[in-house]
Amino acid sequence: MADVKYFTQIPAWVDELEDVTDFQVRLLGFIYTLENTVGSAFPSNKMLAEKYHKSVNTVQKALSELYKKGYVVSNVK
């Protein structure tokens, strides 16, 4: 096991969403934790796929749906 110095937090508002999958809840929790731990959240799809034992395509689809619903936003210009 990696030497992890944090734990994933799932905000109450995320836990109460009815239009997301359990995997999307986990992704939102991880992104939220990164944002609050290191100040930014920009994990690669490959890294997320490996972390959650999913395909890159599955991660891309889940994130795409979260972007469309407005739960994940990008500040990249």
C-alpha atoms as a PDB file:
ATOM      1  CA  MET A   1       0.000   0.000   0.000  1.00  0.00           C
ATOM      2  CA  ALA A   2       1.214   3.498  -0.831  1.00  0.00           C
ATOM      3  CA  ASP A   3       2.279   5.877   1.897  1.00  0.00           C
ATOM      4  CA  VAL A   4      -0.887   7.999   1.720  1.00  0.00           C
ATOM      5  CA  LYS A   5      -0.992  11.040   3.973  1.00  0.00           C
ATOM      6  CA  TYR A   6      -4.656  11.928   3.485  1.00  0.00           C
ATOM      7  CA  PHE A   7      -8.061  10.328   3.197  1.00  0.00           C
ATOM      8  CA  THR A   8     -10.758  10.985   0.646  1.00  0.00           C
ATOM      9  CA  GLN A   9     -13.554  13.200   1.868  1.00  0.00           C
ATOM     10  CA  ILE A  10     -16.996  13.050   0.325  1.00  0.00           C
ATOM     11  CA  PRO A  11     -18.863  16.302   1.007  1.00  0.00           C
ATOM     12  CA  ALA A  12     -22.447  15.970   2.219  1.00  0.00           C
ATOM     13  CA  TRP A  13     -23.797  17.701  -0.906  1.00  0.00           C
ATOM     14  CA  VAL A  14     -22.071  15.075  -3.080  1.00  0.00           C
ATOM     15  CA  ASP A  15     -23.364  12.217  -0.946  1.00  0.00           C
ATOM     16  CA  GLU A  16     -26.903  13.537  -1.411  1.00  0.00           C
ATOM     17  CA  LEU A  17     -26.781  13.729  -5.232  1.00  0.00           C
ATOM     18  CA  GLU A  18     -29.273  11.428  -6.895  1.00  0.00           C
ATOM     19  CA  ASP A  19     -28.110  11.803 -10.494  1.00  0.00           C
ATOM     20  CA  VAL A  20     -24.596  10.355 -10.154  1.00  0.00           C
ATOM     21  CA  THR A  21     -23.205   6.842  -9.882  1.00  0.00           C
ATOM     22  CA  ASP A  22     -21.303   5.519  -6.879  1.00  0.00           C
ATOM     23  CA  PHE A  23     -18.115   5.716  -8.968  1.00  0.00           C
ATOM     24  CA  GLN A  24     -18.806   9.364  -9.772  1.00  0.00           C
ATOM     25  CA  VAL A  25     -19.289  10.055  -6.049  1.00  0.00           C
ATOM     26  CA  ARG A  26     -15.856   8.535  -5.404  1.00  0.00           C
ATOM     27  CA  LEU A  27     -14.333  10.640  -8.193  1.00  0.00           C
ATOM     28  CA  LEU A  28     -15.903  13.825  -6.834  1.00  0.00           C
ATOM     29  CA  GLY A  29     -14.666  12.996  -3.342  1.00  0.00           C
ATOM     30  CA  PHE A  30     -11.127  12.405  -4.585  1.00  0.00           C
ATOM     31  CA  ILE A  31     -11.113  15.599  -6.671  1.00  0.00           C
ATOM     32  CA  TYR A  32     -12.509  17.564  -3.709  1.00  0.00           C
ATOM     33  CA  THR A  33      -9.817  16.120  -1.439  1.00  0.00           C
ATOM     34  CA  LEU A  34      -7.003  16.962  -3.879  1.00  0.00           C
ATOM     35  CA  GLU A  35      -8.302  20.504  -4.271  1.00  0.00           C
ATOM     36  CA  ASN A  36      -8.352  21.012  -0.513  1.00  0.00           C
ATOM     37  CA  THR A  37      -5.087  19.156   0.190  1.00  0.00           C
ATOM     38  CA  VAL A  38      -2.721  20.446  -2.486  1.00  0.00           C
ATOM     39  CA  GLY A  39      -4.633  23.429  -3.854  1.00  0.00           C
ATOM     40  CA  SER A  40      -5.475  21.993  -7.249  1.00  0.00           C
ATOM     41  CA  ALA A  41      -7.035  18.915  -8.720  1.00  0.00           C
ATOM     42  CA  PHE A  42      -5.668  17.797 -12.036  1.00  0.00           C
ATOM     43  CA  PRO A  43      -5.240  14.022 -11.876  1.00  0.00           C
ATOM     44  CA  SER A  44      -4.809  12.285 -15.197  1.00  0.00           C
ATOM     45  CA  ASN A  45      -7.468   9.925 -16.443  1.00  0.00           C
ATOM     46  CA  LYS A  46      -4.832   7.186 -16.474  1.00  0.00           C
ATOM     47  CA  MET A  47      -3.973   7.770 -12.820  1.00  0.00           C
ATOM     48  CA  LEU A  48      -7.662   7.708 -11.849  1.00  0.00           C
ATOM     49  CA  ALA A  49      -8.196   4.527 -13.886  1.00  0.00           C
ATOM     50  CA  GLU A  50      -5.322   2.807 -12.095  1.00  0.00           C
ATOM     51  CA  LYS A  51      -6.426   4.069  -8.670  1.00  0.00           C
ATOM     52  CA  TYR A  52      -9.998   2.825  -9.095  1.00  0.00           C
ATOM     53  CA  HIS A  53      -9.227  -0.247 -11.227  1.00  0.00           C
ATOM     54  CA  LYS A  54     -11.295   1.048 -14.135  1.00  0.00           C
ATOM     55  CA  SER A  55     -10.539   1.595 -17.797  1.00  0.00           C
ATOM     56  CA  VAL A  56      -9.452   5.042 -18.973  1.00  0.00           C
ATOM     57  CA  ASN A  57     -12.605   5.110 -21.111  1.00  0.00           C
ATOM     58  CA  THR A  58     -14.783   4.515 -18.031  1.00  0.00           C
ATOM     59  CA  VAL A  59     -13.064   7.380 -16.205  1.00  0.00           C
ATOM     60  CA  GLN A  60     -13.417   9.685 -19.222  1.00  0.00           C
ATOM     61  CA  LYS A  61     -17.125   8.914 -19.513  1.00  0.00           C
ATOM     62  CA  ALA A  62     -17.756   9.440 -15.785  1.00  0.00           C
ATOM     63  CA  LEU A  63     -15.876  12.754 -15.757  1.00  0.00           C
ATOM     64  CA  SER A  64     -17.589  13.916 -18.945  1.00  0.00           C
ATOM     65  CA  GLU A  65     -20.981  13.364 -17.334  1.00  0.00           C
ATOM     66  CA  LEU A  66     -19.862  15.249 -14.220  1.00  0.00           C
ATOM     67  CA  TYR A  67     -18.696  18.188 -16.383  1.00  0.00           C
ATOM     68  CA  LYS A  68     -22.019  18.219 -18.253  1.00  0.00           C
ATOM     69  CA  LYS A  69     -23.949  18.307 -14.973  1.00  0.00           C
ATOM     70  CA  GLY A  70     -21.756  21.127 -13.654  1.00  0.00           C
ATOM     71  CA  TYR A  71     -20.297  19.170 -10.733  1.00  0.00           C
ATOM     72  CA  VAL A  72     -16.752  19.458 -12.093  1.00  0.00           C
ATOM     73  CA  VAL A  73     -15.462  22.628 -13.718  1.00  0.00           C
ATOM     74  CA  SER A  74     -12.191  23.519 -15.363  1.00  0.00           C
ATOM     75  CA  ASN A  75     -10.383  26.792 -14.866  1.00  0.00           C
ATOM     76  CA  VAL A  76      -7.955  26.067 -17.708  1.00  0.00           C
ATOM     77  CA  LYS A  77      -8.061  28.831 -20.299  1.00  0.00           C
END
